[in-house]
N, C-alpha and C. Protein backbone atom coordinates (compact mmCIF):
# COMPACT_ATOMS: atom_id res chain seq x y z
N MET A 1 1.16 -1.35 0.08
CA MET A 1 0.22 -0.04 -0.27
C MET A 1 0.76 1.08 -0.10
N LYS A 2 0.57 2.61 -0.56
CA LYS A 2 1.52 3.34 -0.89
C LYS A 2 1.27 4.31 0.48
N LYS A 3 1.59 4.96 0.92
CA LYS A 3 2.10 6.08 1.63
C LYS A 3 1.81 7.16 1.88
N VAL A 4 1.32 8.40 2.16
CA VAL A 4 0.95 9.13 2.62
C VAL A 4 1.66 9.58 3.79
N ALA A 5 2.79 10.82 4.05
CA ALA A 5 3.81 11.37 5.00
C ALA A 5 3.09 12.78 5.78
N VAL A 6 2.43 12.48 6.66
CA VAL A 6 1.76 14.53 7.78
C VAL A 6 2.79 14.35 8.03
N VAL A 7 4.07 15.30 7.72
CA VAL A 7 5.08 15.13 9.64
C VAL A 7 4.96 16.18 10.24
N ASP A 8 5.01 15.07 11.76
CA ASP A 8 4.68 16.01 13.25
C ASP A 8 6.03 15.79 13.52
N TYR A 9 6.56 17.32 13.57
CA TYR A 9 8.21 18.00 14.68
C TYR A 9 7.18 19.02 15.34
N GLY A 10 6.30 18.88 15.69
CA GLY A 10 6.42 19.50 16.85
C GLY A 10 5.51 21.14 16.59
N MET A 11 4.87 21.51 15.37
CA MET A 11 4.62 22.28 14.46
C MET A 11 3.34 22.36 13.80
N GLY A 12 2.35 23.24 14.31
CA GLY A 12 1.36 22.72 12.76
C GLY A 12 -0.28 21.66 13.16
N ASN A 13 -0.51 22.27 12.10
CA ASN A 13 -2.05 22.43 12.56
C ASN A 13 -2.26 20.98 11.60
N LEU A 14 -1.36 19.47 12.61
CA LEU A 14 -1.69 18.38 12.38
C LEU A 14 -2.91 17.95 11.89
N ARG A 15 -4.20 17.84 13.21
CA ARG A 15 -4.91 16.76 13.67
C ARG A 15 -5.93 17.72 11.93
N SER A 16 -6.10 18.54 11.11
CA SER A 16 -6.51 18.81 10.25
C SER A 16 -5.83 18.67 8.92
N VAL A 17 -4.43 18.78 9.11
CA VAL A 17 -4.18 18.77 7.79
C VAL A 17 -4.29 17.26 7.88
N THR A 18 -4.29 16.26 8.85
CA THR A 18 -4.27 14.80 8.26
C THR A 18 -5.41 13.47 8.36
N GLN A 19 -6.39 15.14 8.63
CA GLN A 19 -7.08 14.26 8.77
C GLN A 19 -7.89 14.53 7.31
N ALA A 20 -7.91 16.00 6.46
CA ALA A 20 -8.10 16.26 4.94
C ALA A 20 -7.84 15.57 4.51
N VAL A 21 -6.42 15.46 4.75
CA VAL A 21 -5.35 13.68 3.37
C VAL A 21 -5.61 13.13 3.92
N MET A 22 -6.82 12.07 4.81
CA MET A 22 -7.04 11.15 5.21
C MET A 22 -8.53 11.50 4.22
N HIS A 23 -9.58 11.98 4.69
CA HIS A 23 -10.38 12.61 3.92
C HIS A 23 -9.88 12.20 2.11
N VAL A 24 -9.72 12.63 0.99
CA VAL A 24 -9.56 12.47 0.12
C VAL A 24 -8.61 11.83 -0.41
N ALA A 25 -8.02 10.53 0.70
CA ALA A 25 -7.16 8.89 0.24
C ALA A 25 -8.27 8.37 0.53
N GLU A 26 -9.25 8.24 1.14
CA GLU A 26 -10.37 7.15 1.38
C GLU A 26 -10.81 6.82 -0.43
N GLY A 27 -10.73 5.53 -0.28
CA GLY A 27 -11.09 4.50 -1.27
C GLY A 27 -10.26 4.15 -1.90
N THR A 28 -8.65 5.35 -2.00
CA THR A 28 -7.68 5.18 -3.30
C THR A 28 -6.77 4.32 -3.35
N GLY A 29 -6.42 2.89 -1.67
CA GLY A 29 -5.54 2.81 -1.63
C GLY A 29 -4.34 3.44 -1.34
N VAL A 30 -4.58 4.52 -0.45
CA VAL A 30 -3.03 5.23 -0.45
C VAL A 30 -3.50 5.78 0.90
N GLU A 31 -2.82 4.67 2.69
CA GLU A 31 -2.57 4.65 3.17
C GLU A 31 -1.29 6.46 4.05
N VAL A 32 -2.80 7.11 5.40
CA VAL A 32 -1.65 8.33 5.82
C VAL A 32 -1.14 7.73 6.67
N VAL A 33 0.34 8.60 7.25
CA VAL A 33 0.75 8.11 8.90
C VAL A 33 1.03 9.68 8.75
N TRP A 34 0.68 9.77 9.87
CA TRP A 34 0.81 10.62 11.08
C TRP A 34 2.27 10.89 11.66
N ALA A 35 3.24 11.52 11.19
CA ALA A 35 4.13 10.84 10.70
C ALA A 35 5.12 11.41 12.33
N ARG A 36 5.74 10.31 13.08
CA ARG A 36 6.58 11.58 14.74
C ARG A 36 7.80 10.62 14.66
N THR A 37 8.05 10.04 13.45
CA THR A 37 9.73 9.27 13.35
C THR A 37 10.18 10.40 11.96
N PRO A 38 11.81 10.17 11.97
CA PRO A 38 12.63 10.53 10.31
C PRO A 38 12.00 8.82 10.07
N GLN A 39 12.17 7.28 10.32
CA GLN A 39 11.66 6.59 9.91
C GLN A 39 10.23 6.67 8.83
N GLU A 40 8.59 6.56 9.33
CA GLU A 40 7.92 6.99 8.59
C GLU A 40 7.62 8.38 7.95
N VAL A 41 8.31 8.79 7.74
CA VAL A 41 8.42 9.54 6.91
C VAL A 41 9.43 9.12 5.64
N MET A 42 10.54 8.53 5.47
CA MET A 42 11.72 7.62 4.81
C MET A 42 10.42 6.31 4.06
N ASP A 43 9.69 6.06 5.43
CA ASP A 43 9.07 4.94 4.10
C ASP A 43 7.49 5.42 3.62
N ALA A 44 7.26 6.85 3.19
CA ALA A 44 6.26 7.36 2.08
C ALA A 44 7.27 7.00 1.27
N GLU A 45 6.19 7.58 0.35
CA GLU A 45 6.16 7.66 -0.79
C GLU A 45 5.90 8.91 -1.95
N ARG A 46 4.75 10.05 -0.39
CA ARG A 46 5.43 10.78 -0.67
C ARG A 46 4.38 11.92 1.03
N VAL A 47 4.88 13.34 1.48
CA VAL A 47 5.08 13.81 2.32
C VAL A 47 4.93 15.48 2.32
N VAL A 48 3.36 15.60 3.64
CA VAL A 48 3.22 16.51 3.48
C VAL A 48 3.81 17.31 4.67
N LEU A 49 4.02 18.30 4.49
CA LEU A 49 5.08 19.27 5.40
C LEU A 49 3.94 20.68 5.75
N PRO A 50 2.90 20.96 6.97
CA PRO A 50 2.39 21.93 7.74
C PRO A 50 3.72 22.48 8.43
N GLY A 51 3.52 23.57 9.01
CA GLY A 51 4.01 24.61 10.11
C GLY A 51 3.37 25.43 10.51
N GLN A 52 3.09 26.37 11.98
CA GLN A 52 2.08 26.76 11.97
C GLN A 52 3.47 27.56 13.00
N GLY A 53 2.90 29.03 13.30
CA GLY A 53 3.70 29.41 14.25
C GLY A 53 4.99 30.82 13.93
N GLY A 54 6.01 30.30 14.58
CA GLY A 54 6.94 32.13 14.71
C GLY A 54 8.29 31.14 13.62
N MET A 55 9.12 31.20 12.64
CA MET A 55 9.26 30.32 12.04
C MET A 55 11.21 29.78 12.92
N ARG A 56 12.08 30.97 13.72
CA ARG A 56 12.60 30.26 14.38
C ARG A 56 12.02 29.01 15.51
N ASP A 57 10.76 28.82 15.61
CA ASP A 57 10.04 27.73 16.52
C ASP A 57 10.29 26.99 15.61
N CYS A 58 10.16 27.09 14.46
CA CYS A 58 9.56 25.52 13.73
C CYS A 58 10.92 25.13 12.53
N MET A 59 11.93 26.18 12.58
CA MET A 59 13.13 25.46 12.37
C MET A 59 13.57 24.65 13.65
N ARG A 60 13.90 25.38 14.23
CA ARG A 60 14.76 24.34 15.56
C ARG A 60 13.17 23.45 15.76
N GLU A 61 12.44 23.19 16.01
CA GLU A 61 12.25 22.28 16.33
C GLU A 61 11.68 21.29 15.39
N LEU A 62 12.09 21.64 13.46
CA LEU A 62 12.77 20.59 12.85
C LEU A 62 14.01 19.88 13.32
N HIS A 63 14.62 20.51 13.48
CA HIS A 63 16.03 19.81 13.82
C HIS A 63 16.15 18.95 15.46
N GLU A 64 15.40 19.39 16.22
CA GLU A 64 15.49 18.80 16.88
C GLU A 64 14.85 17.71 17.18
N SER A 65 13.23 17.16 16.36
CA SER A 65 12.96 16.71 16.14
C SER A 65 13.78 15.01 15.61
N GLY A 66 14.13 15.89 15.53
CA GLY A 66 15.63 14.25 14.68
C GLY A 66 14.34 14.59 13.18
N MET A 67 13.84 15.11 12.82
CA MET A 67 12.84 15.22 11.26
C MET A 67 13.77 15.69 9.18
N PHE A 68 15.14 16.39 10.47
CA PHE A 68 15.57 17.59 9.28
C PHE A 68 16.10 16.60 8.14
N ASP A 69 16.36 15.81 8.60
CA ASP A 69 17.25 14.61 7.65
C ASP A 69 15.56 13.97 6.23
N ALA A 70 15.12 12.71 6.69
CA ALA A 70 13.79 13.06 6.46
C ALA A 70 13.12 13.72 5.30
N VAL A 71 13.00 15.24 6.11
CA VAL A 71 12.36 16.29 5.09
C VAL A 71 13.24 16.25 4.10
N MET A 72 15.01 16.52 4.03
CA MET A 72 15.40 16.57 3.00
C MET A 72 15.52 15.65 2.88
N HIS A 73 15.70 14.56 2.79
CA HIS A 73 15.95 13.20 1.27
C HIS A 73 14.42 13.30 0.74
N ALA A 74 13.52 13.82 1.31
CA ALA A 74 11.60 13.45 0.68
C ALA A 74 11.97 14.73 0.00
N ALA A 75 12.41 15.94 0.28
CA ALA A 75 12.16 17.59 -0.93
C ALA A 75 13.24 16.76 -2.34
N ALA A 76 14.22 15.73 -2.37
CA ALA A 76 14.84 15.47 -3.12
C ALA A 76 14.35 14.71 -3.54
N HIS A 77 13.84 13.40 -3.07
CA HIS A 77 13.89 11.94 -3.38
C HIS A 77 12.25 11.88 -4.12
N LYS A 78 10.63 12.72 -3.88
CA LYS A 78 9.47 12.33 -3.47
C LYS A 78 8.40 13.68 -3.74
N PRO A 79 6.96 13.16 -4.17
CA PRO A 79 6.19 14.33 -4.14
C PRO A 79 6.26 15.00 -2.94
N LEU A 80 6.71 17.02 -2.32
CA LEU A 80 5.84 16.93 -1.24
C LEU A 80 5.46 17.87 -0.79
N MET A 81 4.61 18.15 -0.22
CA MET A 81 3.40 19.72 -0.57
C MET A 81 4.05 20.05 0.89
N GLY A 82 4.16 21.46 1.30
CA GLY A 82 4.06 22.35 1.82
C GLY A 82 3.42 23.40 1.99
N VAL A 83 2.64 23.79 3.78
CA VAL A 83 1.81 24.36 4.16
C VAL A 83 1.99 25.38 4.53
N CYS A 84 1.29 26.65 4.52
CA CYS A 84 1.51 27.18 5.82
C CYS A 84 2.99 27.50 5.33
N VAL A 85 3.07 28.26 7.16
CA VAL A 85 4.58 28.23 7.59
C VAL A 85 5.75 27.00 7.03
N GLY A 86 5.14 25.16 6.43
CA GLY A 86 6.19 24.96 5.52
C GLY A 86 5.92 25.02 4.40
N MET A 87 5.58 26.02 3.58
CA MET A 87 5.55 26.60 2.76
C MET A 87 6.96 27.47 2.46
N GLN A 88 6.63 28.26 3.89
CA GLN A 88 7.57 29.18 3.98
C GLN A 88 9.34 28.82 4.36
N MET A 89 8.66 27.09 5.19
CA MET A 89 10.57 26.49 5.36
C MET A 89 11.01 26.46 4.36
N LEU A 90 10.42 26.62 2.98
CA LEU A 90 11.26 25.63 1.86
C LEU A 90 12.04 26.84 1.10
N LEU A 91 12.36 27.67 1.85
CA LEU A 91 12.87 29.50 1.20
C LEU A 91 14.40 29.14 2.17
N ASP A 92 14.98 29.89 1.15
CA ASP A 92 16.31 30.89 2.15
C ASP A 92 16.54 31.19 3.17
N HIS A 93 15.27 32.30 3.76
CA HIS A 93 15.79 33.10 4.84
C HIS A 93 14.25 33.46 4.42
N SER A 94 14.27 33.52 6.79
CA SER A 94 12.95 34.91 6.55
C SER A 94 13.42 36.37 7.55
N GLU A 95 12.74 37.00 7.19
CA GLU A 95 12.48 37.89 8.06
C GLU A 95 12.47 37.85 9.81
N GLU A 96 11.90 36.76 9.66
CA GLU A 96 10.98 37.00 11.14
C GLU A 96 12.36 36.16 11.60
N LEU A 97 13.11 36.97 12.41
CA LEU A 97 14.13 37.00 13.29
C LEU A 97 15.73 36.54 13.28
N ASP A 98 15.31 37.09 11.45
CA ASP A 98 16.14 37.15 10.54
C ASP A 98 17.00 35.73 10.91
N THR A 99 15.93 34.64 10.16
CA THR A 99 16.16 32.99 10.38
C THR A 99 16.18 31.91 8.90
N PRO A 100 17.85 31.65 9.02
CA PRO A 100 17.70 30.68 7.87
C PRO A 100 17.06 29.46 7.75
N CYS A 101 16.48 28.83 6.73
CA CYS A 101 15.47 28.55 6.22
C CYS A 101 16.08 27.26 5.72
N LEU A 102 15.55 26.66 4.87
CA LEU A 102 15.92 25.04 3.96
C LEU A 102 16.34 25.45 3.16
N GLY A 103 16.17 26.64 1.76
CA GLY A 103 17.22 26.57 0.99
C GLY A 103 16.31 25.72 -0.10
N LEU A 104 15.66 25.25 -0.09
CA LEU A 104 14.72 24.60 -1.60
C LEU A 104 14.83 24.86 -2.64
N ILE A 105 13.87 25.99 -2.29
CA ILE A 105 13.25 27.45 -3.49
C ILE A 105 14.12 29.35 -3.31
N PRO A 106 14.70 29.52 -4.71
CA PRO A 106 16.01 30.42 -3.70
C PRO A 106 14.79 31.17 -3.52
N GLY A 107 14.88 32.16 -2.59
CA GLY A 107 13.74 33.21 -2.05
C GLY A 107 13.25 33.42 -0.85
N GLU A 108 13.42 35.08 -0.65
CA GLU A 108 12.97 34.90 0.71
C GLU A 108 10.85 35.36 1.40
N VAL A 109 11.54 35.48 3.04
CA VAL A 109 9.89 35.60 3.37
C VAL A 109 10.32 36.46 3.81
N VAL A 110 9.44 37.87 4.25
CA VAL A 110 9.31 39.59 4.33
C VAL A 110 8.40 39.63 5.08
N LYS A 111 7.78 40.68 5.87
CA LYS A 111 6.16 40.72 6.88
C LYS A 111 6.12 41.69 5.21
N PHE A 112 4.68 41.35 5.59
CA PHE A 112 3.61 42.77 5.07
C PHE A 112 4.13 44.25 5.75
N ASP A 113 4.09 44.70 4.44
CA ASP A 113 4.30 46.27 5.49
C ASP A 113 3.36 47.14 4.88
N LEU A 114 2.50 47.48 5.05
CA LEU A 114 0.31 47.54 4.77
C LEU A 114 0.35 48.83 5.47
N ALA A 115 1.33 49.32 6.55
CA ALA A 115 0.94 50.58 6.72
C ALA A 115 0.78 51.79 5.66
N GLY A 116 -0.90 52.51 6.44
CA GLY A 116 -0.98 53.57 5.43
C GLY A 116 -2.46 52.97 3.98
N GLN A 117 -2.01 51.29 4.30
CA GLN A 117 -2.59 51.33 2.88
C GLN A 117 -4.31 51.69 3.10
N LEU A 118 -5.51 51.19 2.25
CA LEU A 118 -7.04 51.21 2.30
C LEU A 118 -7.57 50.10 1.86
N GLN A 119 -8.35 50.00 1.88
CA GLN A 119 -8.78 48.37 0.87
C GLN A 119 -10.31 49.01 0.26
N ALA A 120 -10.45 48.23 -0.48
CA ALA A 120 -11.86 48.87 -1.43
C ALA A 120 -13.26 50.15 -0.84
N ASP A 121 -13.22 49.27 0.43
CA ASP A 121 -14.48 49.24 1.36
C ASP A 121 -14.19 50.42 2.61
N GLY A 122 -12.25 51.78 1.85
CA GLY A 122 -11.54 51.98 3.71
C GLY A 122 -11.15 51.20 4.33
N SER A 123 -11.48 50.70 4.76
CA SER A 123 -10.76 49.46 6.33
C SER A 123 -9.17 49.86 5.44
N ARG A 124 -8.87 49.89 7.50
CA ARG A 124 -7.11 50.00 6.40
C ARG A 124 -6.31 47.87 6.95
N PHE A 125 -5.55 47.16 6.22
CA PHE A 125 -5.50 46.43 5.34
C PHE A 125 -4.58 45.73 7.39
N LYS A 126 -5.61 44.41 7.98
CA LYS A 126 -5.25 44.36 8.84
C LYS A 126 -3.66 43.53 8.97
N VAL A 127 -2.36 42.88 9.40
CA VAL A 127 -1.45 42.21 9.58
C VAL A 127 -2.03 41.41 11.49
N PRO A 128 -2.44 39.63 10.65
CA PRO A 128 -2.43 39.14 10.20
C PRO A 128 -2.76 39.39 9.44
N GLN A 129 -3.35 38.37 7.65
CA GLN A 129 -4.49 38.94 6.30
C GLN A 129 -4.51 38.07 7.05
N MET A 130 -6.36 37.41 7.66
CA MET A 130 -6.88 36.31 8.59
C MET A 130 -7.60 36.37 7.68
N GLY A 131 -8.88 34.86 6.82
CA GLY A 131 -10.15 35.20 6.10
C GLY A 131 -9.43 34.91 4.46
N TRP A 132 -10.62 34.63 3.82
CA TRP A 132 -10.28 34.17 2.51
C TRP A 132 -10.30 35.33 1.84
N ASN A 133 -10.04 34.78 0.18
CA ASN A 133 -9.22 36.08 -0.26
C ASN A 133 -8.66 34.94 -1.55
N ARG A 134 -8.69 35.55 -3.27
CA ARG A 134 -8.80 34.92 -3.92
C ARG A 134 -7.01 35.00 -4.82
N VAL A 135 -7.10 33.29 -5.59
CA VAL A 135 -6.04 32.62 -6.09
C VAL A 135 -5.58 32.53 -7.37
N TRP A 136 -4.57 33.12 -7.51
CA TRP A 136 -4.25 33.39 -9.58
C TRP A 136 -3.35 32.39 -9.86
N GLN A 137 -3.76 31.51 -10.18
CA GLN A 137 -2.73 30.44 -10.64
C GLN A 137 -1.99 31.32 -12.04
N THR A 138 0.00 30.68 -12.04
CA THR A 138 0.43 31.36 -12.32
C THR A 138 1.20 30.32 -13.40
N GLY A 139 1.44 30.52 -14.59
CA GLY A 139 2.55 30.13 -15.04
C GLY A 139 1.88 29.34 -16.76
N GLY A 140 1.58 29.95 -17.20
CA GLY A 140 0.74 30.72 -18.31
C GLY A 140 -1.18 31.35 -18.52
N GLN A 141 -1.30 31.35 -19.93
CA GLN A 141 -2.78 30.98 -19.70
C GLN A 141 -3.65 30.53 -19.86
N ASP A 142 -3.81 29.77 -20.64
CA ASP A 142 -4.31 28.38 -20.41
C ASP A 142 -4.33 27.26 -19.11
N ALA A 143 -5.73 26.56 -18.76
CA ALA A 143 -4.86 25.69 -17.73
C ALA A 143 -3.85 24.69 -17.58
N ALA A 144 -4.11 24.65 -19.17
CA ALA A 144 -1.99 22.99 -19.29
C ALA A 144 -1.38 23.47 -18.95
N SER A 145 -1.27 24.82 -18.97
CA SER A 145 0.63 25.26 -19.16
C SER A 145 0.74 25.66 -17.81
N ARG A 146 -0.87 25.54 -16.33
CA ARG A 146 -0.85 25.85 -14.91
C ARG A 146 -0.20 24.51 -13.93
N HIS A 147 0.52 24.35 -12.92
CA HIS A 147 1.14 23.41 -13.02
C HIS A 147 -0.28 22.13 -11.99
N PRO A 148 0.53 20.87 -12.07
CA PRO A 148 -1.35 19.83 -12.16
C PRO A 148 -1.30 19.79 -11.14
N VAL A 149 -0.75 20.15 -10.01
CA VAL A 149 -1.66 19.94 -8.10
C VAL A 149 -2.99 21.53 -8.87
N TRP A 150 -3.13 22.12 -8.93
CA TRP A 150 -4.05 22.97 -9.45
C TRP A 150 -5.01 21.95 -10.27
N GLY A 151 -5.10 20.77 -10.60
CA GLY A 151 -6.09 20.10 -11.75
C GLY A 151 -7.25 21.09 -13.05
N GLU A 152 -8.20 20.65 -11.58
CA GLU A 152 -9.63 21.77 -12.53
C GLU A 152 -10.40 22.50 -11.07
N VAL A 153 -9.29 22.81 -10.41
CA VAL A 153 -9.56 23.98 -9.75
C VAL A 153 -9.65 25.42 -10.06
N PRO A 154 -11.20 25.86 -9.97
CA PRO A 154 -10.61 26.98 -11.06
C PRO A 154 -10.44 28.70 -10.51
N ASP A 155 -9.08 28.82 -11.64
CA ASP A 155 -8.67 29.60 -11.67
C ASP A 155 -9.51 31.48 -10.66
N GLY A 156 -8.74 31.82 -9.56
CA GLY A 156 -9.94 32.99 -8.92
C GLY A 156 -10.15 32.58 -7.82
N SER A 157 -10.03 30.74 -8.13
CA SER A 157 -11.26 30.37 -6.16
C SER A 157 -10.28 31.28 -5.25
N TYR A 158 -11.53 31.47 -3.84
CA TYR A 158 -10.77 31.47 -2.20
C TYR A 158 -10.02 30.31 -1.61
N PHE A 159 -9.55 30.80 -1.38
CA PHE A 159 -9.06 29.96 -0.08
C PHE A 159 -8.62 30.77 1.06
N TYR A 160 -7.81 29.80 2.46
CA TYR A 160 -8.60 30.68 3.80
C TYR A 160 -6.93 31.43 3.96
N PHE A 161 -6.46 31.95 4.47
CA PHE A 161 -5.12 32.42 4.53
C PHE A 161 -5.38 32.93 5.96
N VAL A 162 -4.47 32.75 6.76
CA VAL A 162 -3.12 33.34 7.67
C VAL A 162 -1.98 33.41 7.95
N HIS A 163 -2.06 34.92 7.75
CA HIS A 163 -0.97 34.89 7.82
C HIS A 163 0.43 36.22 8.01
N SER A 164 0.95 36.86 8.27
CA SER A 164 1.54 37.67 9.05
C SER A 164 2.75 38.33 7.00
N TYR A 165 3.67 37.12 7.38
CA TYR A 165 4.78 37.21 6.20
C TYR A 165 4.49 36.14 4.75
N TYR A 166 4.98 36.58 3.65
CA TYR A 166 4.75 35.59 2.61
C TYR A 166 6.48 35.44 1.81
N ALA A 167 5.74 34.40 0.71
CA ALA A 167 7.31 34.37 -0.24
C ALA A 167 6.81 35.15 -0.85
N ARG A 168 8.66 35.26 -1.55
CA ARG A 168 9.11 36.51 -2.88
C ARG A 168 10.29 35.56 -2.61
N PRO A 169 9.66 34.54 -3.89
CA PRO A 169 10.81 33.68 -4.84
C PRO A 169 11.66 34.68 -5.37
N SER A 170 12.70 33.64 -5.74
CA SER A 170 13.86 35.07 -6.67
C SER A 170 13.79 34.94 -7.76
N ASP A 171 12.80 33.69 -8.25
CA ASP A 171 12.87 33.66 -10.16
C ASP A 171 10.85 33.39 -9.87
N ALA A 172 10.70 34.42 -11.02
CA ALA A 172 9.29 34.28 -10.61
C ALA A 172 8.66 32.69 -11.44
N ARG A 173 9.40 31.73 -11.97
CA ARG A 173 8.88 30.29 -12.78
C ARG A 173 8.47 29.72 -11.49
N HIS A 174 9.43 29.52 -10.57
CA HIS A 174 8.83 29.23 -8.97
C HIS A 174 7.45 29.78 -8.40
N SER A 175 6.80 30.60 -8.84
CA SER A 175 5.46 30.93 -7.74
C SER A 175 5.11 30.73 -9.14
N ALA A 176 3.06 29.76 -8.78
CA ALA A 176 2.28 28.94 -8.71
C ALA A 176 1.08 29.52 -9.27
N GLY A 177 1.23 30.71 -7.92
CA GLY A 177 -0.21 31.14 -7.58
C GLY A 177 -0.05 32.28 -6.50
N GLU A 178 -0.66 33.59 -7.06
CA GLU A 178 -0.60 34.51 -6.22
C GLU A 178 -2.26 35.36 -6.29
N THR A 179 -1.53 36.07 -4.84
CA THR A 179 -2.95 36.86 -4.06
C THR A 179 -2.65 38.51 -3.68
N ASP A 180 -3.92 39.04 -3.89
CA ASP A 180 -3.83 40.15 -3.35
C ASP A 180 -4.26 40.52 -1.72
N TYR A 181 -3.08 41.27 -1.36
CA TYR A 181 -3.54 42.18 0.20
C TYR A 181 -2.88 43.12 0.03
N GLY A 182 -3.20 43.95 -1.08
CA GLY A 182 -2.00 45.35 -0.85
C GLY A 182 -1.23 45.20 -1.71
N GLN A 183 -0.94 44.17 -2.24
CA GLN A 183 0.08 44.07 -2.58
C GLN A 183 0.12 42.46 -3.34
N ARG A 184 0.35 42.37 -4.86
CA ARG A 184 0.96 40.40 -5.72
C ARG A 184 1.83 40.54 -4.45
N PHE A 185 1.42 39.25 -4.11
CA PHE A 185 2.61 38.26 -3.73
C PHE A 185 1.77 36.80 -3.89
N SER A 186 3.25 36.37 -4.30
CA SER A 186 3.30 34.76 -4.43
C SER A 186 2.35 33.99 -3.51
N CYS A 187 1.70 33.20 -3.31
CA CYS A 187 1.37 32.06 -2.50
C CYS A 187 0.85 31.11 -2.42
N ALA A 188 1.69 30.47 -3.63
CA ALA A 188 1.64 29.29 -3.91
C ALA A 188 3.50 29.50 -5.02
N ILE A 189 4.05 28.46 -4.17
CA ILE A 189 5.35 27.42 -4.58
C ILE A 189 5.96 26.39 -5.49
N ALA A 190 6.42 26.22 -6.62
CA ALA A 190 6.73 25.16 -6.65
C ALA A 190 7.69 25.17 -7.54
N ARG A 191 8.36 23.80 -6.92
CA ARG A 191 10.40 23.18 -8.35
C ARG A 191 9.86 22.16 -8.42
N ASP A 192 10.41 21.81 -9.73
CA ASP A 192 9.87 20.27 -9.51
C ASP A 192 9.06 19.17 -8.72
N ASN A 193 9.39 18.57 -8.03
CA ASN A 193 8.75 17.14 -6.96
C ASN A 193 7.98 17.95 -6.05
N ILE A 194 8.07 19.68 -5.85
CA ILE A 194 7.72 20.18 -4.80
C ILE A 194 6.94 21.44 -5.12
N PHE A 195 5.22 21.35 -4.59
CA PHE A 195 4.68 22.37 -5.27
C PHE A 195 3.90 22.91 -3.15
N ALA A 196 3.78 23.28 -2.25
CA ALA A 196 3.16 24.31 -2.10
C ALA A 196 2.49 26.18 -1.81
N THR A 197 1.65 25.90 -0.33
CA THR A 197 0.55 26.90 -0.42
C THR A 197 0.99 27.57 0.57
N GLN A 198 1.14 29.21 0.54
CA GLN A 198 1.15 29.76 1.69
C GLN A 198 -0.68 29.66 2.65
N PHE A 199 -1.53 29.29 2.40
CA PHE A 199 -3.05 29.62 2.64
C PHE A 199 -3.03 28.18 3.30
N HIS A 200 -4.48 27.56 3.41
CA HIS A 200 -4.44 26.57 4.87
C HIS A 200 -5.98 25.33 3.36
N PRO A 201 -5.45 24.91 2.60
CA PRO A 201 -5.82 23.89 1.91
C PRO A 201 -7.22 23.25 2.98
N GLU A 202 -6.43 22.32 4.19
CA GLU A 202 -7.19 22.20 4.55
C GLU A 202 -8.95 22.65 5.49
N LYS A 203 -8.38 24.07 5.09
CA LYS A 203 -9.58 25.00 5.35
C LYS A 203 -10.33 25.22 4.51
N SER A 204 -9.94 25.17 3.92
CA SER A 204 -10.76 26.37 2.50
C SER A 204 -12.63 25.43 1.61
N ALA A 205 -12.68 24.87 1.54
CA ALA A 205 -13.62 23.07 1.69
C ALA A 205 -12.86 22.49 0.82
N GLU A 206 -13.76 22.50 -0.36
CA GLU A 206 -14.44 21.64 -1.42
C GLU A 206 -13.38 22.18 -2.20
N HIS A 207 -12.82 23.47 -2.70
CA HIS A 207 -11.54 23.52 -3.48
C HIS A 207 -9.84 22.99 -2.92
N GLY A 208 -9.59 22.92 -1.42
CA GLY A 208 -8.96 22.76 -0.86
C GLY A 208 -8.54 21.83 -0.83
N LEU A 209 -9.46 20.28 -0.45
CA LEU A 209 -9.66 18.77 -0.13
C LEU A 209 -8.70 18.47 -1.96
N ALA A 210 -9.78 19.37 -3.27
CA ALA A 210 -9.07 19.08 -4.58
C ALA A 210 -7.56 19.26 -4.17
N LEU A 211 -7.06 20.74 -4.26
CA LEU A 211 -5.41 20.51 -3.97
C LEU A 211 -4.59 19.18 -3.46
N TYR A 212 -4.86 19.05 -2.22
CA TYR A 212 -4.64 17.32 -1.15
C TYR A 212 -5.11 16.21 -2.53
N ARG A 213 -5.77 16.15 -2.72
CA ARG A 213 -6.50 14.65 -3.52
C ARG A 213 -5.75 14.60 -4.82
N ASN A 214 -5.74 16.29 -5.52
CA ASN A 214 -4.72 16.61 -7.28
C ASN A 214 -3.09 15.93 -6.38
N PHE A 215 -2.25 16.41 -4.89
CA PHE A 215 -1.45 16.14 -5.23
C PHE A 215 -1.25 13.72 -4.41
N LEU A 216 -1.77 13.74 -4.83
CA LEU A 216 -1.78 12.40 -3.78
C LEU A 216 -1.35 11.62 -5.29
N HIS A 217 -2.23 11.83 -6.42
CA HIS A 217 -1.83 11.48 -7.37
C HIS A 217 -1.77 12.41 -8.68
N TRP A 218 0.05 13.21 -7.85
CA TRP A 218 0.78 14.07 -8.81
C TRP A 218 2.13 13.08 -9.37
N ASN A 219 2.39 12.93 -9.63
CA ASN A 219 3.80 12.48 -10.46
C ASN A 219 4.72 12.43 -11.56
N PRO A 220 5.19 14.37 -10.74
CA PRO A 220 6.19 15.12 -11.05
C PRO A 220 7.28 14.02 -11.82
């Protein structure tokens, strides 16, 4: 039986992510493992890397939990999906407490600077961004040229966000999706066998579940 591991390194909304992946895996012959050991990550055919909280805490716990090497091996050899801070960790560096990250996708994680900016209704932009926002798939003018994990998810669909920092990849080709919150920014990034989102698919109703379902069947 094929396995997908949701990495538990002490940080992240593990229960909701695991339940969402289990829901879409039901009846597919894929076993979903709440991975608490490096070996469980190594044994899986694909890996989901969640994250929640401060970047420095997440990076410290990834090392201290013993999961670092297993996650890096997964990123080099099998499909890996990052979620929220699990996406931000993939880049080189975060402004949050000047924290080095995993360096798997070139770029920086920077904090929103929206002071004095007003939304269309006249209200101020709040940080963190919290709530539903539209996501625009990047990569081309037609669905076939966009990242395959989007599948049949309509361009401009709404997803749920909770974050104060955002990814700024060095190469625009690594941006798989964008959203607007005071500015246009990358909310999904991808490279080779890696796909990751700033928003929470597990909190984003049917379109979010579709992303997890597509990831289970993605063969990069």
